[in-house]
Amino acid sequence: MTVLELAGLRKEYRTFRAEPTLAVDGLDLVIEHPGTVVGFLGPNGSGKTTTIRCMLGLIRPTAGTVRLLGEKMPSGAAAAIRRVGALVEQPKFFGDFTGRRNLRLLARIGGYSRSDMDRVLELVGLTDAAGMKFHKYSFGMKQRLAVAATLLKDPDLLVLDEPANGLDPAGIVEMRRMLRDLADSGKTVFVSSHQLGEIEQVCDRIVIINHGRVVAAGSVDEVMASGTQDRAVVQVERVDSALAVLLAAGYEAAGGSRPGTVVVESPPEDTSSITRTLADQGIYLQGLRIEGQNLEEVFLALTDGESGA
C-alpha cells in the first residue's frame, strides 16, 4: 500500500477583497515504501506547511487528490489519522510533572496502556529520565518527549515539522539517531526541516518544492546529482594570475572562499589538464582537490537561491 499520494494538489487562499493567494500549485508526490525517512524541503513560502496540512486533512485542497495510507483525504481522515503521529506544533506539557506523568495523562486520554508508555519512552531514549520533572529537561529531551507523545498510538507514519529546530549539536545527533531507529523499525518518517546537513545524513529520500511545485524528488544521491556539479579547488600563490589563465583557457573559474584558492566548476575528468594549463604559464600548484557538492548548494541551485528550507 502506498504511504502517501498527492496528485495535482492545489490550494488557494481567498479573502473577501484581495486576489486569491496560490500556496500550492499542482503538486505531485508519491511515497511508496514504508520504513524510510523522507525529507521535505523548500524555501519559506514554498507551500510546505500548506502541503502538510492538506496531507493531514486539516485543510481542504482547492483541487487535486490526497491519499494517506490508502484513505482519501479529508473524507477518510478519521481512519487515516489513527495510524499517523504528527508533530506540527509543540505540544503543551506540565512543567512540574515528570516526563512519565505527562505521558500518563496523554495515555489515559487516548486509552493507551502503561506498556505503551514504557515502549515510547524507550524508543525516544528517555527511560532513564522519565522520573525527571519536565521543566528540568533540556530542549532536546523536550523534543523527544513530544515525539514520544505522537508514538503512543504506534503509528505507521510519523510527520515531524522542524524536529531539530533549536537543538544543540548533541541534541541534533540524538534526534538523528532516533529518526533512523524509527525508520528501521518499519515506520515511515516524513520530516520537514531547515537543517539541510541533517537531512542529507538521515534521510533515504528527499523532496524539494518551490512555488508550490516539486522541483526534485528521489533518493539522496539522485537529488544531489540533479543540482550542481563537482568542482576542483586549486591552491596557488598567485590567485589573480591563475584565474586569468584558467578563464582564458575556457574554464569556468572563480576565486575561492579561502585565501590562495581558485575554484573550477565542472572540472574535466582528467584534472591533470588544469595543472598543465597553469604550469605552461609558469604557475605551479600547491594543491588540488575535488570537492563534492552538498545539499545546501543543490537546494539553492534548485530554488533559484531562495533561502529558508
Protein backbone atom coordinates (compact mmCIF):
# COMPACT_ATOMS: atom_id res chain seq x y z
CA MET A 1 0.00 0.00 0.00
CA THR A 2 1.24 3.49 -0.87
CA VAL A 3 2.05 5.59 2.20
CA LEU A 4 1.21 8.95 0.60
CA GLU A 5 -0.04 10.05 -2.81
CA LEU A 6 -0.63 13.67 -3.80
CA ALA A 7 -1.91 14.25 -7.33
CA GLY A 8 -2.37 17.72 -8.79
CA LEU A 9 -2.64 19.22 -5.29
CA ARG A 10 -3.68 22.87 -5.45
CA LYS A 11 -4.57 25.21 -2.64
CA GLU A 12 -5.71 28.82 -2.96
CA TYR A 13 -6.37 31.07 -0.01
CA ARG A 14 -9.17 33.51 -0.74
CA THR A 15 -10.05 36.73 1.05
CA PHE A 16 -13.07 38.96 0.62
CA ARG A 17 -11.28 41.86 -1.06
CA ALA A 18 -7.83 40.70 -2.23
CA GLU A 19 -6.88 38.41 -5.10
CA PRO A 20 -6.52 34.70 -4.19
CA THR A 21 -3.11 33.60 -2.93
CA LEU A 22 -1.83 30.41 -4.56
CA ALA A 23 0.08 28.37 -1.96
CA VAL A 24 0.32 25.00 -3.73
CA ASP A 25 0.20 24.70 -7.50
CA GLY A 26 -0.39 21.25 -8.98
CA LEU A 27 1.92 19.38 -6.64
CA ASP A 28 2.51 15.67 -7.31
CA LEU A 29 4.21 13.42 -4.75
CA VAL A 30 4.25 9.68 -4.06
CA ILE A 31 5.84 7.85 -1.13
CA GLU A 32 5.57 4.15 -1.82
CA HIS A 33 7.85 2.34 0.60
CA PRO A 34 7.35 2.21 4.39
CA GLY A 35 10.33 2.21 6.72
CA THR A 36 12.03 5.24 5.16
CA VAL A 37 12.92 8.76 6.29
CA VAL A 38 11.67 11.34 3.79
CA GLY A 39 12.99 14.90 3.94
CA PHE A 40 10.58 17.64 2.82
CA LEU A 41 12.36 20.86 1.91
CA GLY A 42 11.53 24.21 0.39
CA PRO A 43 12.14 27.96 0.83
CA ASN A 44 9.95 29.99 3.14
CA GLY A 45 6.59 30.44 1.44
CA SER A 46 7.10 27.48 -0.89
CA GLY A 47 3.96 25.67 0.31
CA LYS A 48 5.45 23.15 2.75
CA THR A 49 3.13 23.88 5.66
CA THR A 50 0.05 24.04 3.43
CA THR A 51 1.00 20.70 1.85
CA ILE A 52 1.39 19.07 5.27
CA ARG A 53 -1.97 20.44 6.43
CA CYS A 54 -3.65 19.09 3.29
CA MET A 55 -1.94 15.73 3.87
CA LEU A 56 -3.32 15.50 7.38
CA GLY A 57 -6.83 16.61 6.42
CA LEU A 58 -6.54 19.81 8.45
CA ILE A 59 -7.50 21.92 5.42
CA ARG A 60 -9.32 21.03 2.22
CA PRO A 61 -7.40 21.47 -1.05
CA THR A 62 -8.86 23.64 -3.78
CA ALA A 63 -8.16 20.91 -6.34
CA GLY A 64 -6.34 17.60 -6.65
CA THR A 65 -6.41 14.46 -4.53
CA VAL A 66 -4.71 13.31 -1.35
CA ARG A 67 -4.46 9.67 -0.31
CA LEU A 68 -2.89 8.95 3.06
CA LEU A 69 -2.25 5.31 3.97
CA GLY A 70 -4.82 4.30 1.38
CA GLU A 71 -7.51 6.70 2.62
CA LYS A 72 -8.79 9.59 0.53
CA MET A 73 -8.43 12.84 2.44
CA PRO A 74 -10.07 14.67 4.07
CA SER A 75 -13.11 12.34 3.94
CA GLY A 76 -11.06 9.38 5.23
CA ALA A 77 -9.22 11.38 7.89
CA ALA A 78 -10.81 9.53 10.81
CA ALA A 79 -9.43 6.19 9.62
CA ALA A 80 -6.05 7.50 8.42
CA ILE A 81 -5.17 9.69 11.40
CA ARG A 82 -5.45 6.71 13.76
CA ARG A 83 -2.29 5.45 12.02
CA VAL A 84 -0.47 8.80 11.87
CA GLY A 85 1.58 10.56 14.52
CA ALA A 86 2.05 14.25 13.75
CA LEU A 87 4.15 16.89 15.46
CA VAL A 88 3.44 20.13 13.61
CA GLU A 89 3.18 22.34 16.70
CA GLN A 90 4.92 21.95 20.05
CA PRO A 91 2.54 20.17 22.44
CA LYS A 92 1.95 21.65 25.90
CA PHE A 93 3.36 19.73 28.84
CA PHE A 94 3.11 20.48 32.57
CA GLY A 95 6.46 21.76 33.78
CA ASP A 96 6.10 20.43 37.34
CA PHE A 97 5.07 16.96 36.15
CA THR A 98 7.64 14.32 35.31
CA GLY A 99 8.02 13.16 31.74
CA ARG A 100 6.31 9.90 32.68
CA ARG A 101 3.37 11.65 34.36
CA ASN A 102 2.87 13.92 31.35
CA LEU A 103 2.77 10.87 29.09
CA ARG A 104 0.47 9.04 31.53
CA LEU A 105 -2.11 11.82 31.17
CA LEU A 106 -1.99 11.56 27.38
CA ALA A 107 -2.12 7.75 27.55
CA ARG A 108 -5.25 7.82 29.70
CA ILE A 109 -6.96 10.26 27.34
CA GLY A 110 -6.12 8.06 24.35
CA GLY A 111 -6.84 4.78 26.08
CA TYR A 112 -3.24 3.54 25.91
CA SER A 113 -1.62 1.21 28.43
CA ARG A 114 1.37 1.53 30.74
CA SER A 115 3.29 -0.79 28.41
CA ASP A 116 2.60 1.64 25.54
CA MET A 117 4.07 4.44 27.64
CA ASP A 118 7.16 2.40 28.52
CA ARG A 119 7.60 1.44 24.87
CA VAL A 120 7.67 5.02 23.58
CA LEU A 121 9.96 6.23 26.36
CA GLU A 122 12.43 3.55 25.33
CA LEU A 123 12.04 4.39 21.64
CA VAL A 124 12.99 8.04 22.22
CA GLY A 125 15.71 7.27 24.76
CA LEU A 126 14.02 8.83 27.80
CA THR A 127 13.52 5.79 30.02
CA ASP A 128 16.21 6.88 32.50
CA ALA A 129 14.91 10.49 32.53
CA ALA A 130 11.22 9.62 32.81
CA GLY A 131 11.15 10.49 36.52
CA MET A 132 12.66 13.96 35.98
CA LYS A 133 10.38 16.99 36.02
CA PHE A 134 9.68 18.38 32.57
CA HIS A 135 10.98 21.87 33.34
CA LYS A 136 14.40 20.35 34.04
CA TYR A 137 14.58 18.69 30.62
CA SER A 138 16.99 20.03 28.03
CA PHE A 139 15.43 21.31 24.82
CA GLY A 140 16.41 18.09 23.06
CA MET A 141 14.75 15.99 25.76
CA LYS A 142 11.59 18.09 25.46
CA GLN A 143 11.57 17.48 21.71
CA ARG A 144 11.97 13.75 22.24
CA LEU A 145 9.13 13.69 24.76
CA ALA A 146 6.94 15.44 22.19
CA VAL A 147 7.84 12.73 19.67
CA ALA A 148 7.07 10.09 22.30
CA ALA A 149 3.57 11.55 22.66
CA THR A 150 2.97 11.08 18.93
CA LEU A 151 4.21 7.48 19.14
CA LEU A 152 1.72 6.34 21.79
CA LYS A 153 -0.69 5.18 19.08
CA ASP A 154 2.15 3.19 17.43
CA PRO A 155 1.63 5.00 14.08
CA ASP A 156 2.70 3.72 10.69
CA LEU A 157 3.56 7.27 9.58
CA LEU A 158 5.25 9.97 11.64
CA VAL A 159 5.03 13.58 10.38
CA LEU A 160 7.51 15.96 12.02
CA ASP A 161 7.82 19.68 11.34
CA GLU A 162 11.26 21.04 12.34
CA PRO A 163 12.05 18.38 14.98
CA ALA A 164 15.68 19.55 15.33
CA ASN A 165 14.89 23.27 15.49
CA GLY A 166 16.73 24.88 18.42
CA LEU A 167 18.68 21.77 19.38
CA ASP A 168 22.35 21.90 20.32
CA PRO A 169 24.79 19.59 18.45
CA ALA A 170 24.30 16.75 20.96
CA GLY A 171 20.52 17.07 20.68
CA ILE A 172 20.71 17.01 16.88
CA VAL A 173 22.74 13.79 16.99
CA GLU A 174 20.18 12.25 19.37
CA MET A 175 17.32 13.27 17.08
CA ARG A 176 19.11 11.86 14.03
CA ARG A 177 19.66 8.53 15.76
CA MET A 178 16.03 8.39 16.89
CA LEU A 179 14.64 9.06 13.40
CA ARG A 180 16.81 6.34 11.93
CA ASP A 181 15.77 3.87 14.64
CA LEU A 182 12.09 4.63 13.98
CA ALA A 183 12.52 4.03 10.24
CA ASP A 184 14.47 0.84 10.90
CA SER A 185 11.54 -0.37 13.00
CA GLY A 186 9.31 -0.09 9.90
CA LYS A 187 7.76 3.35 10.37
CA THR A 188 7.77 5.98 7.65
CA VAL A 189 9.11 9.32 8.91
CA PHE A 190 8.16 12.46 6.95
CA VAL A 191 10.26 15.33 8.23
CA SER A 192 10.29 19.00 7.26
CA SER A 193 13.45 20.76 8.41
CA HIS A 194 15.78 23.72 7.95
CA GLN A 195 18.72 21.52 8.97
CA LEU A 196 19.92 20.62 5.48
CA GLY A 197 23.06 18.89 6.71
CA GLU A 198 20.98 16.65 8.96
CA ILE A 199 18.50 15.92 6.19
CA GLU A 200 21.39 14.84 3.97
CA GLN A 201 22.68 12.48 6.66
CA VAL A 202 19.48 10.93 7.98
CA CYS A 203 17.07 10.75 5.02
CA ASP A 204 16.59 7.96 2.49
CA ARG A 205 14.59 10.19 0.14
CA ILE A 206 14.33 13.95 -0.35
CA VAL A 207 11.54 16.09 -1.81
CA ILE A 208 12.26 19.75 -2.63
CA ILE A 209 9.41 22.09 -3.52
CA ASN A 210 9.41 25.67 -4.76
CA HIS A 211 6.46 27.92 -5.58
CA GLY A 212 4.08 25.10 -4.66
CA ARG A 213 5.57 22.51 -7.02
CA VAL A 214 8.04 19.65 -6.68
CA VAL A 215 11.39 20.58 -8.26
CA ALA A 216 13.29 17.47 -7.20
CA ALA A 217 12.39 14.13 -5.62
CA GLY A 218 14.24 10.88 -5.21
CA SER A 219 16.97 9.25 -3.21
CA VAL A 220 19.61 11.48 -1.66
CA ASP A 221 22.07 10.54 -4.42
CA GLU A 222 19.52 11.21 -7.16
CA VAL A 223 18.63 14.64 -5.83
CA MET A 224 22.28 15.55 -5.31
CA ALA A 225 23.01 14.59 -8.91
CA SER A 226 20.23 16.91 -10.14
CA GLY A 227 21.92 20.02 -8.78
CA THR A 228 25.36 21.49 -9.15
CA GLN A 229 28.39 19.51 -10.32
CA ASP A 230 31.62 18.66 -8.52
CA ARG A 231 34.38 21.25 -8.65
CA ALA A 232 38.15 21.39 -8.43
CA VAL A 233 39.72 23.58 -5.75
CA VAL A 234 43.17 24.73 -6.85
CA GLN A 235 45.64 26.15 -4.35
CA VAL A 236 48.21 28.58 -5.77
CA GLU A 237 50.31 31.55 -4.68
CA ARG A 238 49.22 33.89 -7.49
CA VAL A 239 45.42 33.67 -7.46
CA ASP A 240 44.77 36.54 -9.88
CA SER A 241 47.24 35.19 -12.45
CA ALA A 242 45.93 31.63 -12.13
CA LEU A 243 42.35 32.81 -12.51
CA ALA A 244 43.18 34.82 -15.64
CA VAL A 245 44.98 31.85 -17.22
CA LEU A 246 42.12 29.42 -16.49
CA LEU A 247 39.45 31.79 -17.79
CA ALA A 248 41.46 32.40 -20.96
CA ALA A 249 41.72 28.62 -21.43
CA GLY A 250 37.91 28.29 -21.30
CA TYR A 251 37.47 27.02 -17.76
CA GLU A 252 34.59 28.22 -15.61
CA ALA A 253 36.57 29.50 -12.66
CA ALA A 254 36.33 31.97 -9.79
CA GLY A 255 38.26 32.93 -6.69
CA GLY A 256 37.67 30.53 -3.81
CA SER A 257 36.24 31.38 -0.41
CA ARG A 258 39.58 30.62 1.21
CA PRO A 259 42.71 32.71 0.52
CA GLY A 260 45.02 31.28 -2.12
CA THR A 261 42.37 29.17 -3.87
CA VAL A 262 40.66 29.14 -7.25
CA VAL A 263 37.51 27.08 -7.83
CA VAL A 264 37.00 25.40 -11.20
CA GLU A 265 33.36 24.42 -11.76
CA SER A 266 32.54 21.15 -13.58
CA PRO A 267 36.21 20.15 -13.88
CA PRO A 268 37.33 17.69 -16.57
CA GLU A 269 37.72 14.06 -15.53
CA ASP A 270 41.44 14.39 -16.24
CA THR A 271 42.28 17.19 -13.81
CA SER A 272 45.92 17.00 -14.87
CA SER A 273 44.92 19.30 -17.75
CA ILE A 274 44.35 22.07 -15.19
CA THR A 275 47.85 21.50 -13.83
CA ARG A 276 49.37 21.60 -17.33
CA THR A 277 47.44 24.74 -18.30
CA LEU A 278 48.80 26.61 -15.29
CA ALA A 279 52.32 25.16 -15.48
CA ASP A 280 52.64 26.23 -19.13
CA GLN A 281 52.26 29.80 -17.87
CA GLY A 282 54.75 29.35 -15.04
CA ILE A 283 52.11 28.91 -12.31
CA TYR A 284 52.64 25.84 -10.15
CA LEU A 285 50.04 24.25 -7.88
CA GLN A 286 50.42 23.92 -4.15
CA GLY A 287 47.42 21.64 -4.06
CA LEU A 288 44.36 20.41 -5.99
CA ARG A 289 41.35 18.55 -4.70
CA ILE A 290 37.93 17.60 -5.99
CA GLU A 291 35.19 18.98 -3.77
CA GLY A 292 31.79 17.35 -3.87
CA GLN A 293 28.53 19.24 -3.70
CA ASN A 294 26.44 19.37 -0.55
CA LEU A 295 22.68 19.51 -0.13
CA GLU A 296 22.69 23.22 0.68
CA GLU A 297 24.27 24.04 -2.69
CA VAL A 298 21.86 21.74 -4.53
CA PHE A 299 18.92 23.26 -2.67
CA LEU A 300 19.94 26.81 -3.57
CA ALA A 301 20.51 25.84 -7.21
CA LEU A 302 17.08 24.21 -7.49
CA THR A 303 15.22 27.02 -5.74
CA ASP A 304 16.90 29.94 -7.51
CA GLY A 305 18.95 30.78 -4.44
CA GLU A 306 15.94 31.32 -2.16
CA SER A 307 16.75 30.69 1.48
CA GLY A 308 14.82 29.09 4.28
CA ALA A 309 14.34 25.37 3.82
